[in-house]
Amino acid sequence: MSTRVGIIGCGHRGRAHGEAWNALPGCKVVAVADLDPERRSAVSKALSASDTFGHYRDLLEHARPDIVSIALQPNLRLEVIRKACEAGVRGILVEKPAALGLPEHTLMEEAVRQNGVLCIVNYQTRYLPAWRKLRERVRSGALGRIERILVTSRLVALDQGTHLCDQLYAFAGQELPQAAVGQAWGWREGMHPGPTEMFGSFHFDGGLEAFIRLGPDSPTARFNPAAGALAYQLDVWGEGGHGHVDILEGGRTWIRGLSEWEITNESWTTPGVVPQAQKELSQSLLDALEKPGFEPPCSLRHARASFEMCEALCASALERRKIEWPLPAWEHSPMQALRTLSEQPLRKPW
């Protein structure tokens, strides 16, 4: 018996989700939903879906999918996750970021937990070969004790910033930091509203220090000005080596005692790499449905970590102090609170 999948949101991300599901054995996209009739018709044909719906609630009611992929704007995702849980789906794949603020993220977690639904967030860059190979080298101890990590991106926190915080969390062994200090200023509206510029540091148990720099003036933008919106990088330094990954250029690792770098040429632009990463992420949800006790690396619970890290930097900027874990139960998102401050004269960083 095949796993029935519904796609909610027929933009390019929804189509990518659907292609990955159709490429997995035993899965079939049976329905798509989108308010735009041309988009849903085009994606329905591309995915060979038997049913199309103008509203996601009709898809949930009539198609009765086992899994739904949600690729709508972030401000719409909480409502859809709640309704999908109530409709009896077994699994949910939601685009990143799952929400626009940590309080909203908490409500999503409550909805899936109360209904026994498995939910993962689309941090597919974890499955890109260069990033995965460097994590494996770090995990094996080849670079010795990790002392410092630096991540940079051109875009804002709710865009590539959450990807990078997710990578920091992964390279730190799926462990949250102990504390964060950050600064943020400016504001960009759009699908992923957030500060134009943000930087800060995280302190992890064991002495690991991680640094993040987001915005048009980040080192990534100067290093690779032709990369466009995709440009982001990660560097990790250990007692015994150094690893570097670039989203567009692959990765390289130097280990003390070796005369040459280990090179991983596969990158975002390598044919077949991105669809394979999407397939592996989707497969992790299927594995979790079939293997009780298995939690996917990008589960909603783990994805919360990247959100906490972004929110902590913004809270530090607002309160002018170090923010420590566990975080307080904020009633409002510190990041979204910066929108009001962005309308005031620019404050100098600390």
C-alpha atoms as a PDB file:
ATOM      1  CA  MET A   1       0.000   0.000   0.000  1.00  0.00           C
ATOM      2  CA  SER A   2       1.484   3.341  -1.071  1.00  0.00           C
ATOM      3  CA  THR A   3       1.876   6.395   1.128  1.00  0.00           C
ATOM      4  CA  ARG A   4      -0.493   9.125  -0.039  1.00  0.00           C
ATOM      5  CA  VAL A   5       0.995  12.609  -0.094  1.00  0.00           C
ATOM      6  CA  GLY A   6      -0.693  16.004  -0.457  1.00  0.00           C
ATOM      7  CA  ILE A   7       1.147  19.183  -1.479  1.00  0.00           C
ATOM      8  CA  ILE A   8      -0.174  22.421   0.030  1.00  0.00           C
ATOM      9  CA  GLY A   9       1.305  25.386  -1.815  1.00  0.00           C
ATOM     10  CA  CYS A  10       2.278  25.030  -5.475  1.00  0.00           C
ATOM     11  CA  GLY A  11       5.242  27.376  -5.767  1.00  0.00           C
ATOM     12  CA  HIS A  12       8.693  26.121  -6.704  1.00  0.00           C
ATOM     13  CA  ARG A  13       9.286  24.725  -3.214  1.00  0.00           C
ATOM     14  CA  GLY A  14       6.013  22.794  -3.219  1.00  0.00           C
ATOM     15  CA  ARG A  15       6.901  21.309  -6.577  1.00  0.00           C
ATOM     16  CA  ALA A  16      10.357  20.313  -5.288  1.00  0.00           C
ATOM     17  CA  HIS A  17       8.741  18.594  -2.323  1.00  0.00           C
ATOM     18  CA  GLY A  18       6.388  16.723  -4.621  1.00  0.00           C
ATOM     19  CA  GLU A  19       9.136  15.554  -6.986  1.00  0.00           C
ATOM     20  CA  ALA A  20      11.070  14.151  -4.038  1.00  0.00           C
ATOM     21  CA  TRP A  21       8.044  12.301  -2.663  1.00  0.00           C
ATOM     22  CA  ASN A  22       7.253  10.788  -6.070  1.00  0.00           C
ATOM     23  CA  ALA A  23      10.862   9.624  -6.384  1.00  0.00           C
ATOM     24  CA  LEU A  24      10.673   7.600  -3.163  1.00  0.00           C
ATOM     25  CA  PRO A  25       9.489   3.976  -3.364  1.00  0.00           C
ATOM     26  CA  GLY A  26       5.973   3.522  -2.075  1.00  0.00           C
ATOM     27  CA  CYS A  27       5.085   7.232  -2.163  1.00  0.00           C
ATOM     28  CA  LYS A  28       2.663   9.004  -4.470  1.00  0.00           C
ATOM     29  CA  VAL A  29       1.524  12.625  -4.600  1.00  0.00           C
ATOM     30  CA  VAL A  30      -2.233  12.236  -4.941  1.00  0.00           C
ATOM     31  CA  ALA A  31      -3.390  15.845  -4.535  1.00  0.00           C
ATOM     32  CA  VAL A  32      -2.220  19.447  -4.593  1.00  0.00           C
ATOM     33  CA  ALA A  33      -3.818  22.626  -3.248  1.00  0.00           C
ATOM     34  CA  ASP A  34      -3.224  26.264  -4.138  1.00  0.00           C
ATOM     35  CA  LEU A  35      -5.419  29.359  -4.489  1.00  0.00           C
ATOM     36  CA  ASP A  36      -3.877  30.103  -7.903  1.00  0.00           C
ATOM     37  CA  PRO A  37      -5.563  27.838 -10.505  1.00  0.00           C
ATOM     38  CA  GLU A  38      -2.693  28.107 -12.997  1.00  0.00           C
ATOM     39  CA  ARG A  39      -0.068  27.150 -10.451  1.00  0.00           C
ATOM     40  CA  ARG A  40      -1.980  24.213  -9.044  1.00  0.00           C
ATOM     41  CA  SER A  41      -2.783  22.963 -12.556  1.00  0.00           C
ATOM     42  CA  ALA A  42       0.858  23.147 -13.627  1.00  0.00           C
ATOM     43  CA  VAL A  43       2.153  21.390 -10.518  1.00  0.00           C
ATOM     44  CA  SER A  44      -0.613  18.800 -10.629  1.00  0.00           C
ATOM     45  CA  LYS A  45       0.399  17.849 -14.164  1.00  0.00           C
ATOM     46  CA  ALA A  46       4.098  17.837 -13.329  1.00  0.00           C
ATOM     47  CA  LEU A  47       3.517  15.519 -10.369  1.00  0.00           C
ATOM     48  CA  SER A  48       0.757  13.431 -12.002  1.00  0.00           C
ATOM     49  CA  ALA A  49      -1.532  14.195  -9.063  1.00  0.00           C
ATOM     50  CA  SER A  50      -5.074  12.945  -9.527  1.00  0.00           C
ATOM     51  CA  ASP A  51      -6.804  15.725  -7.554  1.00  0.00           C
ATOM     52  CA  THR A  52      -6.435  19.497  -7.310  1.00  0.00           C
ATOM     53  CA  PHE A  53      -8.041  21.811  -4.776  1.00  0.00           C
ATOM     54  CA  GLY A  54      -8.285  25.554  -4.386  1.00  0.00           C
ATOM     55  CA  HIS A  55      -8.206  25.353  -0.578  1.00  0.00           C
ATOM     56  CA  TYR A  56      -6.047  23.147   1.620  1.00  0.00           C
ATOM     57  CA  ARG A  57      -9.017  22.203   3.827  1.00  0.00           C
ATOM     58  CA  ASP A  58     -10.684  20.546   0.830  1.00  0.00           C
ATOM     59  CA  LEU A  59      -7.498  18.576   0.172  1.00  0.00           C
ATOM     60  CA  LEU A  60      -7.417  17.361   3.768  1.00  0.00           C
ATOM     61  CA  GLU A  61     -11.082  16.411   3.754  1.00  0.00           C
ATOM     62  CA  HIS A  62     -11.361  14.721   0.355  1.00  0.00           C
ATOM     63  CA  ALA A  63      -7.889  13.408  -0.504  1.00  0.00           C
ATOM     64  CA  ARG A  64      -7.188  12.055   3.001  1.00  0.00           C
ATOM     65  CA  PRO A  65      -3.380  12.056   2.644  1.00  0.00           C
ATOM     66  CA  ASP A  66      -1.049  10.196   4.975  1.00  0.00           C
ATOM     67  CA  ILE A  67       1.542  12.980   4.668  1.00  0.00           C
ATOM     68  CA  VAL A  68       1.274  16.630   3.714  1.00  0.00           C
ATOM     69  CA  SER A  69       4.021  18.948   2.541  1.00  0.00           C
ATOM     70  CA  ILE A  70       3.352  22.565   3.492  1.00  0.00           C
ATOM     71  CA  ALA A  71       5.067  25.146   1.284  1.00  0.00           C
ATOM     72  CA  LEU A  72       2.963  28.220   2.036  1.00  0.00           C
ATOM     73  CA  GLN A  73       4.187  31.545   3.405  1.00  0.00           C
ATOM     74  CA  PRO A  74       5.435  31.279   7.009  1.00  0.00           C
ATOM     75  CA  ASN A  75       2.587  33.351   8.449  1.00  0.00           C
ATOM     76  CA  LEU A  76       0.082  30.730   7.227  1.00  0.00           C
ATOM     77  CA  ARG A  77       1.798  27.565   8.420  1.00  0.00           C
ATOM     78  CA  LEU A  78       0.531  27.342  12.006  1.00  0.00           C
ATOM     79  CA  GLU A  79      -3.121  27.194  10.968  1.00  0.00           C
ATOM     80  CA  VAL A  80      -2.418  24.570   8.297  1.00  0.00           C
ATOM     81  CA  ILE A  81      -0.397  22.380  10.684  1.00  0.00           C
ATOM     82  CA  ARG A  82      -3.216  22.504  13.227  1.00  0.00           C
ATOM     83  CA  LYS A  83      -5.858  21.544  10.658  1.00  0.00           C
ATOM     84  CA  ALA A  84      -3.669  18.804   9.195  1.00  0.00           C
ATOM     85  CA  CYS A  85      -3.226  17.312  12.658  1.00  0.00           C
ATOM     86  CA  GLU A  86      -6.970  17.435  13.273  1.00  0.00           C
ATOM     87  CA  ALA A  87      -7.580  15.770   9.887  1.00  0.00           C
ATOM     88  CA  GLY A  88      -5.590  12.720  10.926  1.00  0.00           C
ATOM     89  CA  VAL A  89      -2.415  12.949   8.820  1.00  0.00           C
ATOM     90  CA  ARG A  90       0.475  10.844  10.097  1.00  0.00           C
ATOM     91  CA  GLY A  91       3.337  13.067   8.981  1.00  0.00           C
ATOM     92  CA  ILE A  92       4.056  16.668   7.992  1.00  0.00           C
ATOM     93  CA  LEU A  93       6.957  18.217   6.087  1.00  0.00           C
ATOM     94  CA  VAL A  94       6.891  21.996   6.478  1.00  0.00           C
ATOM     95  CA  GLU A  95       9.123  24.500   4.730  1.00  0.00           C
ATOM     96  CA  LYS A  96      11.570  26.451   6.814  1.00  0.00           C
ATOM     97  CA  PRO A  97      11.176  28.538   8.797  1.00  0.00           C
ATOM     98  CA  ALA A  98       8.186  26.792  10.284  1.00  0.00           C
ATOM     99  CA  ALA A  99       7.031  30.015  11.963  1.00  0.00           C
ATOM    100  CA  LEU A 100       7.775  33.724  12.277  1.00  0.00           C
ATOM    101  CA  GLY A 101       8.520  33.608  15.993  1.00  0.00           C
ATOM    102  CA  LEU A 102       9.268  31.235  18.845  1.00  0.00           C
ATOM    103  CA  PRO A 103       5.830  31.550  20.533  1.00  0.00           C
ATOM    104  CA  GLU A 104       4.198  30.434  17.261  1.00  0.00           C
ATOM    105  CA  HIS A 105       6.695  27.589  16.967  1.00  0.00           C
ATOM    106  CA  THR A 106       5.690  26.418  20.443  1.00  0.00           C
ATOM    107  CA  LEU A 107       2.038  26.235  19.384  1.00  0.00           C
ATOM    108  CA  MET A 108       3.028  24.061  16.415  1.00  0.00           C
ATOM    109  CA  GLU A 109       4.913  21.689  18.687  1.00  0.00           C
ATOM    110  CA  GLU A 110       1.888  21.421  20.968  1.00  0.00           C
ATOM    111  CA  ALA A 111      -0.393  20.624  18.014  1.00  0.00           C
ATOM    112  CA  VAL A 112       1.735  17.773  16.662  1.00  0.00           C
ATOM    113  CA  ARG A 113       2.420  16.355  20.129  1.00  0.00           C
ATOM    114  CA  GLN A 114      -1.240  16.347  21.166  1.00  0.00           C
ATOM    115  CA  ASN A 115      -2.258  14.602  17.941  1.00  0.00           C
ATOM    116  CA  GLY A 116       0.632  12.139  17.720  1.00  0.00           C
ATOM    117  CA  VAL A 117       1.820  13.516  14.369  1.00  0.00           C
ATOM    118  CA  LEU A 118       5.436  13.425  13.185  1.00  0.00           C
ATOM    119  CA  CYS A 119       6.648  16.726  11.745  1.00  0.00           C
ATOM    120  CA  ILE A 120       9.960  17.667  10.131  1.00  0.00           C
ATOM    121  CA  VAL A 121      11.227  21.020   8.828  1.00  0.00           C
ATOM    122  CA  ASN A 122      12.820  21.394   5.404  1.00  0.00           C
ATOM    123  CA  TYR A 123      16.465  21.957   6.359  1.00  0.00           C
ATOM    124  CA  GLN A 124      17.588  20.023   3.302  1.00  0.00           C
ATOM    125  CA  THR A 125      21.058  21.617   3.249  1.00  0.00           C
ATOM    126  CA  ARG A 126      21.992  19.188   6.040  1.00  0.00           C
ATOM    127  CA  TYR A 127      21.920  16.472   3.397  1.00  0.00           C
ATOM    128  CA  LEU A 128      24.194  18.178   0.877  1.00  0.00           C
ATOM    129  CA  PRO A 129      27.361  16.039   0.431  1.00  0.00           C
ATOM    130  CA  ALA A 130      29.971  18.644   1.402  1.00  0.00           C
ATOM    131  CA  TRP A 131      28.175  19.633   4.615  1.00  0.00           C
ATOM    132  CA  ARG A 132      27.491  16.032   5.589  1.00  0.00           C
ATOM    133  CA  LYS A 133      31.071  14.901   4.917  1.00  0.00           C
ATOM    134  CA  LEU A 134      32.481  17.708   7.054  1.00  0.00           C
ATOM    135  CA  ARG A 135      30.087  16.839   9.898  1.00  0.00           C
ATOM    136  CA  GLU A 136      31.245  13.221   9.667  1.00  0.00           C
ATOM    137  CA  ARG A 137      34.888  14.318   9.913  1.00  0.00           C
ATOM    138  CA  VAL A 138      34.056  16.446  12.937  1.00  0.00           C
ATOM    139  CA  ARG A 139      32.068  13.630  14.559  1.00  0.00           C
ATOM    140  CA  SER A 140      34.881  11.116  13.958  1.00  0.00           C
ATOM    141  CA  GLY A 141      37.349  13.344  15.781  1.00  0.00           C
ATOM    142  CA  ALA A 142      39.554  13.864  12.720  1.00  0.00           C
ATOM    143  CA  LEU A 143      39.757  17.616  13.428  1.00  0.00           C
ATOM    144  CA  GLY A 144      40.353  17.119  17.137  1.00  0.00           C
ATOM    145  CA  ARG A 145      38.407  19.080  19.723  1.00  0.00           C
ATOM    146  CA  ILE A 146      36.346  21.730  17.934  1.00  0.00           C
ATOM    147  CA  GLU A 147      37.115  25.216  19.223  1.00  0.00           C
ATOM    148  CA  ARG A 148      35.452  27.686  16.882  1.00  0.00           C
ATOM    149  CA  ILE A 149      32.788  27.834  14.142  1.00  0.00           C
ATOM    150  CA  LEU A 150      31.943  30.771  11.875  1.00  0.00           C
ATOM    151  CA  VAL A 151      28.888  30.983   9.611  1.00  0.00           C
ATOM    152  CA  THR A 152      28.037  33.845   7.258  1.00  0.00           C
ATOM    153  CA  SER A 153      25.189  34.639   4.871  1.00  0.00           C
ATOM    154  CA  ARG A 154      23.869  37.517   2.817  1.00  0.00           C
ATOM    155  CA  LEU A 155      20.250  37.142   3.860  1.00  0.00           C
ATOM    156  CA  VAL A 156      18.200  37.682   7.012  1.00  0.00           C
ATOM    157  CA  ALA A 157      17.582  35.440  10.011  1.00  0.00           C
ATOM    158  CA  LEU A 158      14.338  33.842   8.835  1.00  0.00           C
ATOM    159  CA  ASP A 159      15.775  33.114   5.412  1.00  0.00           C
ATOM    160  CA  GLN A 160      19.247  31.586   5.299  1.00  0.00           C
ATOM    161  CA  GLY A 161      19.948  32.503   8.919  1.00  0.00           C
ATOM    162  CA  THR A 162      17.794  29.654  10.177  1.00  0.00           C
ATOM    163  CA  HIS A 163      19.648  27.263   7.841  1.00  0.00           C
ATOM    164  CA  LEU A 164      22.937  28.399   9.334  1.00  0.00           C
ATOM    165  CA  CYS A 165      21.765  28.184  12.934  1.00  0.00           C
ATOM    166  CA  ASP A 166      20.516  24.685  12.130  1.00  0.00           C
ATOM    167  CA  GLN A 167      23.986  23.827  10.806  1.00  0.00           C
ATOM    168  CA  LEU A 168      25.604  25.264  13.945  1.00  0.00           C
ATOM    169  CA  TYR A 169      23.300  23.117  16.044  1.00  0.00           C
ATOM    170  CA  ALA A 170      24.225  20.045  13.973  1.00  0.00           C
ATOM    171  CA  PHE A 171      27.979  20.692  14.129  1.00  0.00           C
ATOM    172  CA  ALA A 172      27.682  21.194  17.894  1.00  0.00           C
ATOM    173  CA  GLY A 173      26.268  17.678  18.201  1.00  0.00           C
ATOM    174  CA  GLN A 174      22.567  18.590  18.274  1.00  0.00           C
ATOM    175  CA  GLU A 175      23.148  20.512  21.506  1.00  0.00           C
ATOM    176  CA  LEU A 176      21.862  24.002  22.304  1.00  0.00           C
ATOM    177  CA  PRO A 177      24.257  26.769  23.341  1.00  0.00           C
ATOM    178  CA  GLN A 178      24.597  27.910  26.922  1.00  0.00           C
ATOM    179  CA  ALA A 179      24.486  31.615  26.076  1.00  0.00           C
ATOM    180  CA  ALA A 180      24.282  34.125  23.224  1.00  0.00           C
ATOM    181  CA  VAL A 181      25.270  37.740  22.671  1.00  0.00           C
ATOM    182  CA  GLY A 182      24.053  39.542  19.563  1.00  0.00           C
ATOM    183  CA  GLN A 183      23.203  42.735  17.735  1.00  0.00           C
ATOM    184  CA  ALA A 184      20.638  43.388  15.014  1.00  0.00           C
ATOM    185  CA  TRP A 185      19.485  46.460  13.116  1.00  0.00           C
ATOM    186  CA  GLY A 186      17.481  47.516  10.087  1.00  0.00           C
ATOM    187  CA  TRP A 187      14.470  45.638   8.757  1.00  0.00           C
ATOM    188  CA  ARG A 188      13.457  43.813   5.583  1.00  0.00           C
ATOM    189  CA  GLU A 189       9.823  43.003   4.881  1.00  0.00           C
ATOM    190  CA  GLY A 190       8.676  40.191   2.621  1.00  0.00           C
ATOM    191  CA  MET A 191       8.001  36.489   3.027  1.00  0.00           C
ATOM    192  CA  HIS A 192      10.749  36.211   5.642  1.00  0.00           C
ATOM    193  CA  PRO A 193      10.599  39.515   7.558  1.00  0.00           C
ATOM    194  CA  GLY A 194      13.587  40.158   9.769  1.00  0.00           C
ATOM    195  CA  PRO A 195      16.516  42.427  10.637  1.00  0.00           C
ATOM    196  CA  THR A 196      18.614  43.501   7.665  1.00  0.00           C
ATOM    197  CA  GLU A 197      21.843  42.912   9.574  1.00  0.00           C
ATOM    198  CA  MET A 198      22.541  40.583  12.467  1.00  0.00           C
ATOM    199  CA  PHE A 199      25.645  39.201  14.098  1.00  0.00           C
ATOM    200  CA  GLY A 200      26.525  37.521  17.349  1.00  0.00           C
ATOM    201  CA  SER A 201      28.196  34.684  19.190  1.00  0.00           C
ATOM    202  CA  PHE A 202      27.123  31.504  20.942  1.00  0.00           C
ATOM    203  CA  HIS A 203      28.917  29.780  23.783  1.00  0.00           C
ATOM    204  CA  PHE A 204      28.528  25.995  23.964  1.00  0.00           C
ATOM    205  CA  ASP A 205      29.346  23.516  26.688  1.00  0.00           C
ATOM    206  CA  GLY A 206      32.975  22.423  26.505  1.00  0.00           C
ATOM    207  CA  GLY A 207      34.276  25.806  25.379  1.00  0.00           C
ATOM    208  CA  LEU A 208      33.112  25.794  21.752  1.00  0.00           C
ATOM    209  CA  GLU A 209      32.498  29.334  20.468  1.00  0.00           C
ATOM    210  CA  ALA A 210      30.365  29.943  17.352  1.00  0.00           C
ATOM    211  CA  PHE A 211      29.970  33.211  15.480  1.00  0.00           C
ATOM    212  CA  ILE A 212      27.308  34.234  12.970  1.00  0.00           C
ATOM    213  CA  ARG A 213      27.123  37.183  10.558  1.00  0.00           C
ATOM    214  CA  LEU A 214      24.029  37.817   8.446  1.00  0.00           C
ATOM    215  CA  GLY A 215      23.217  40.586   5.980  1.00  0.00           C
ATOM    216  CA  PRO A 216      24.347  42.225   2.716  1.00  0.00           C
ATOM    217  CA  ASP A 217      27.655  43.306   4.260  1.00  0.00           C
ATOM    218  CA  SER A 218      28.594  39.858   5.535  1.00  0.00           C
ATOM    219  CA  PRO A 219      32.013  38.424   4.593  1.00  0.00           C
ATOM    220  CA  THR A 220      30.254  35.957   2.276  1.00  0.00           C
ATOM    221  CA  ALA A 221      28.961  38.789   0.108  1.00  0.00           C
ATOM    222  CA  ARG A 222      32.449  40.246  -0.307  1.00  0.00           C
ATOM    223  CA  PHE A 223      34.023  36.841  -0.916  1.00  0.00           C
ATOM    224  CA  ASN A 224      31.591  35.766  -3.631  1.00  0.00           C
ATOM    225  CA  PRO A 225      29.631  38.790  -4.902  1.00  0.00           C
ATOM    226  CA  ALA A 226      28.245  36.889  -7.892  1.00  0.00           C
ATOM    227  CA  ALA A 227      26.608  34.228  -5.728  1.00  0.00           C
ATOM    228  CA  GLY A 228      23.358  36.122  -5.290  1.00  0.00           C
ATOM    229  CA  ALA A 229      20.886  35.219  -2.579  1.00  0.00           C
ATOM    230  CA  LEU A 230      22.249  31.710  -2.098  1.00  0.00           C
ATOM    231  CA  ALA A 231      25.648  32.739  -0.740  1.00  0.00           C
ATOM    232  CA  TYR A 232      26.498  31.245   2.611  1.00  0.00           C
ATOM    233  CA  GLN A 233      29.475  29.526   4.183  1.00  0.00           C
ATOM    234  CA  LEU A 234      30.649  27.681   7.284  1.00  0.00           C
ATOM    235  CA  ASP A 235      34.149  27.326   8.733  1.00  0.00           C
ATOM    236  CA  VAL A 236      35.066  25.041  11.603  1.00  0.00           C
ATOM    237  CA  TRP A 237      38.408  25.032  13.407  1.00  0.00           C
ATOM    238  CA  GLY A 238      39.610  22.225  15.644  1.00  0.00           C
ATOM    239  CA  GLU A 239      42.845  21.479  17.459  1.00  0.00           C
ATOM    240  CA  GLY A 240      43.805  19.195  14.587  1.00  0.00           C
ATOM    241  CA  GLY A 241      42.433  20.829  11.463  1.00  0.00           C
ATOM    242  CA  HIS A 242      40.102  23.186   9.613  1.00  0.00           C
ATOM    243  CA  GLY A 243      37.012  22.581   7.488  1.00  0.00           C
ATOM    244  CA  HIS A 244      35.276  24.979   5.087  1.00  0.00           C
ATOM    245  CA  VAL A 245      31.975  24.595   3.226  1.00  0.00           C
ATOM    246  CA  ASP A 246      30.442  26.944   0.660  1.00  0.00           C
ATOM    247  CA  ILE A 247      26.869  26.366  -0.546  1.00  0.00           C
ATOM    248  CA  LEU A 248      27.902  27.001  -4.158  1.00  0.00           C
ATOM    249  CA  GLU A 249      31.446  25.667  -4.208  1.00  0.00           C
ATOM    250  CA  GLY A 250      31.491  22.483  -2.127  1.00  0.00           C
ATOM    251  CA  GLY A 251      33.911  21.896   0.730  1.00  0.00           C
ATOM    252  CA  ARG A 252      37.482  21.243   1.766  1.00  0.00           C
ATOM    253  CA  THR A 253      39.082  19.884   4.914  1.00  0.00           C
ATOM    254  CA  TRP A 254      42.661  20.166   6.141  1.00  0.00           C
ATOM    255  CA  ILE A 255      43.855  17.762   8.819  1.00  0.00           C
ATOM    256  CA  ARG A 256      47.106  18.272  10.674  1.00  0.00           C
ATOM    257  CA  GLY A 257      49.811  16.044   9.228  1.00  0.00           C
ATOM    258  CA  LEU A 258      48.343  15.941   5.710  1.00  0.00           C
ATOM    259  CA  SER A 259      50.016  17.871   2.895  1.00  0.00           C
ATOM    260  CA  GLU A 260      46.818  18.510   0.904  1.00  0.00           C
ATOM    261  CA  TRP A 261      43.204  19.458   1.496  1.00  0.00           C
ATOM    262  CA  GLU A 262      40.460  16.841   1.215  1.00  0.00           C
ATOM    263  CA  ILE A 263      38.121  18.241  -1.455  1.00  0.00           C
ATOM    264  CA  THR A 264      34.374  17.702  -1.874  1.00  0.00           C
ATOM    265  CA  ASN A 265      33.372  19.155  -5.239  1.00  0.00           C
ATOM    266  CA  GLU A 266      29.628  18.498  -5.044  1.00  0.00           C
ATOM    267  CA  SER A 267      27.696  21.678  -4.321  1.00  0.00           C
ATOM    268  CA  TRP A 268      24.235  23.186  -4.712  1.00  0.00           C
ATOM    269  CA  THR A 269      24.894  23.683  -8.435  1.00  0.00           C
ATOM    270  CA  THR A 270      26.012  20.083  -9.115  1.00  0.00           C
ATOM    271  CA  PRO A 271      23.287  18.303 -11.143  1.00  0.00           C
ATOM    272  CA  GLY A 272      21.211  15.943  -9.036  1.00  0.00           C
ATOM    273  CA  VAL A 273      22.639  17.015  -5.668  1.00  0.00           C
ATOM    274  CA  VAL A 274      19.704  19.167  -4.495  1.00  0.00           C
ATOM    275  CA  PRO A 275      16.957  16.680  -5.512  1.00  0.00           C
ATOM    276  CA  GLN A 276      18.885  13.910  -3.747  1.00  0.00           C
ATOM    277  CA  ALA A 277      19.163  16.006  -0.585  1.00  0.00           C
ATOM    278  CA  GLN A 278      15.411  16.640  -0.693  1.00  0.00           C
ATOM    279  CA  LYS A 279      14.736  12.929  -1.141  1.00  0.00           C
ATOM    280  CA  GLU A 280      16.915  11.994   1.834  1.00  0.00           C
ATOM    281  CA  LEU A 281      15.207  14.561   4.038  1.00  0.00           C
ATOM    282  CA  SER A 282      11.777  13.246   3.011  1.00  0.00           C
ATOM    283  CA  GLN A 283      12.932   9.672   3.565  1.00  0.00           C
ATOM    284  CA  SER A 284      13.788  10.560   7.163  1.00  0.00           C
ATOM    285  CA  LEU A 285      10.095  11.237   7.809  1.00  0.00           C
ATOM    286  CA  LEU A 286       9.123   7.883   6.298  1.00  0.00           C
ATOM    287  CA  ASP A 287      11.751   6.184   8.456  1.00  0.00           C
ATOM    288  CA  ALA A 288      10.320   7.832  11.562  1.00  0.00           C
ATOM    289  CA  LEU A 289       6.811   6.653  10.659  1.00  0.00           C
ATOM    290  CA  GLU A 290       8.060   3.086  10.273  1.00  0.00           C
ATOM    291  CA  LYS A 291      10.543   2.954  13.168  1.00  0.00           C
ATOM    292  CA  PRO A 292       9.095   3.844  16.581  1.00  0.00           C
ATOM    293  CA  GLY A 293      11.609   5.766  18.640  1.00  0.00           C
ATOM    294  CA  PHE A 294      13.552   7.159  15.687  1.00  0.00           C
ATOM    295  CA  GLU A 295      13.617  10.964  15.616  1.00  0.00           C
ATOM    296  CA  PRO A 296      14.691  12.615  12.330  1.00  0.00           C
ATOM    297  CA  PRO A 297      17.569  15.109  12.566  1.00  0.00           C
ATOM    298  CA  CYS A 298      15.246  17.850  11.280  1.00  0.00           C
ATOM    299  CA  SER A 299      12.262  17.076  13.500  1.00  0.00           C
ATOM    300  CA  LEU A 300      10.175  20.030  14.628  1.00  0.00           C
ATOM    301  CA  ARG A 301      11.727  19.670  18.080  1.00  0.00           C
ATOM    302  CA  HIS A 302      15.258  19.868  16.701  1.00  0.00           C
ATOM    303  CA  ALA A 303      14.258  22.664  14.315  1.00  0.00           C
ATOM    304  CA  ARG A 304      13.228  24.686  17.337  1.00  0.00           C
ATOM    305  CA  ALA A 305      16.933  25.010  18.168  1.00  0.00           C
ATOM    306  CA  SER A 306      17.681  27.219  15.149  1.00  0.00           C
ATOM    307  CA  PHE A 307      14.704  29.387  16.072  1.00  0.00           C
ATOM    308  CA  GLU A 308      15.830  29.712  19.676  1.00  0.00           C
ATOM    309  CA  MET A 309      19.293  30.754  18.512  1.00  0.00           C
ATOM    310  CA  CYS A 310      17.937  33.470  16.201  1.00  0.00           C
ATOM    311  CA  GLU A 311      15.509  34.727  18.832  1.00  0.00           C
ATOM    312  CA  ALA A 312      18.244  34.792  21.486  1.00  0.00           C
ATOM    313  CA  LEU A 313      20.438  37.037  19.326  1.00  0.00           C
ATOM    314  CA  CYS A 314      17.518  39.413  18.805  1.00  0.00           C
ATOM    315  CA  ALA A 315      16.624  39.387  22.497  1.00  0.00           C
ATOM    316  CA  SER A 316      20.253  40.235  23.284  1.00  0.00           C
ATOM    317  CA  ALA A 317      20.054  43.170  20.852  1.00  0.00           C
ATOM    318  CA  LEU A 318      16.836  44.391  22.448  1.00  0.00           C
ATOM    319  CA  GLU A 319      17.900  43.978  26.070  1.00  0.00           C
ATOM    320  CA  ARG A 320      21.609  44.814  25.654  1.00  0.00           C
ATOM    321  CA  ARG A 321      22.715  41.774  27.647  1.00  0.00           C
ATOM    322  CA  LYS A 322      23.813  38.157  27.391  1.00  0.00           C
ATOM    323  CA  ILE A 323      20.928  35.709  26.937  1.00  0.00           C
ATOM    324  CA  GLU A 324      21.248  32.335  28.638  1.00  0.00           C
ATOM    325  CA  TRP A 325      19.527  28.970  28.171  1.00  0.00           C
ATOM    326  CA  PRO A 326      16.962  27.790  28.981  1.00  0.00           C
ATOM    327  CA  LEU A 327      15.221  30.732  27.357  1.00  0.00           C
ATOM    328  CA  PRO A 328      12.282  32.438  29.056  1.00  0.00           C
ATOM    329  CA  ALA A 329       8.759  31.719  27.809  1.00  0.00           C
ATOM    330  CA  TRP A 330       8.427  34.841  25.668  1.00  0.00           C
ATOM    331  CA  GLU A 331       4.867  35.836  24.839  1.00  0.00           C
ATOM    332  CA  HIS A 332       6.084  37.755  21.787  1.00  0.00           C
ATOM    333  CA  SER A 333       8.899  37.149  19.337  1.00  0.00           C
ATOM    334  CA  PRO A 334      12.030  39.231  20.107  1.00  0.00           C
ATOM    335  CA  MET A 335      12.886  39.162  16.419  1.00  0.00           C
ATOM    336  CA  GLN A 336       9.545  40.543  15.308  1.00  0.00           C
ATOM    337  CA  ALA A 337       9.753  43.170  18.064  1.00  0.00           C
ATOM    338  CA  LEU A 338      12.759  44.612  16.228  1.00  0.00           C
ATOM    339  CA  ARG A 339      10.453  45.749  13.429  1.00  0.00           C
ATOM    340  CA  THR A 340       9.301  48.698  15.588  1.00  0.00           C
ATOM    341  CA  LEU A 341      12.854  49.648  16.501  1.00  0.00           C
ATOM    342  CA  SER A 342      13.863  49.595  12.834  1.00  0.00           C
ATOM    343  CA  GLU A 343      11.644  52.640  12.301  1.00  0.00           C
ATOM    344  CA  GLN A 344      13.682  54.610  14.819  1.00  0.00           C
ATOM    345  CA  PRO A 345      17.124  56.203  14.245  1.00  0.00           C
ATOM    346  CA  LEU A 346      19.810  53.544  13.805  1.00  0.00           C
ATOM    347  CA  ARG A 347      21.469  52.518  17.062  1.00  0.00           C
ATOM    348  CA  LYS A 348      25.172  51.859  16.965  1.00  0.00           C
ATOM    349  CA  PRO A 349      26.201  48.250  17.684  1.00  0.00           C
ATOM    350  CA  TRP A 350      27.678  47.585  21.094  1.00  0.00           C
END
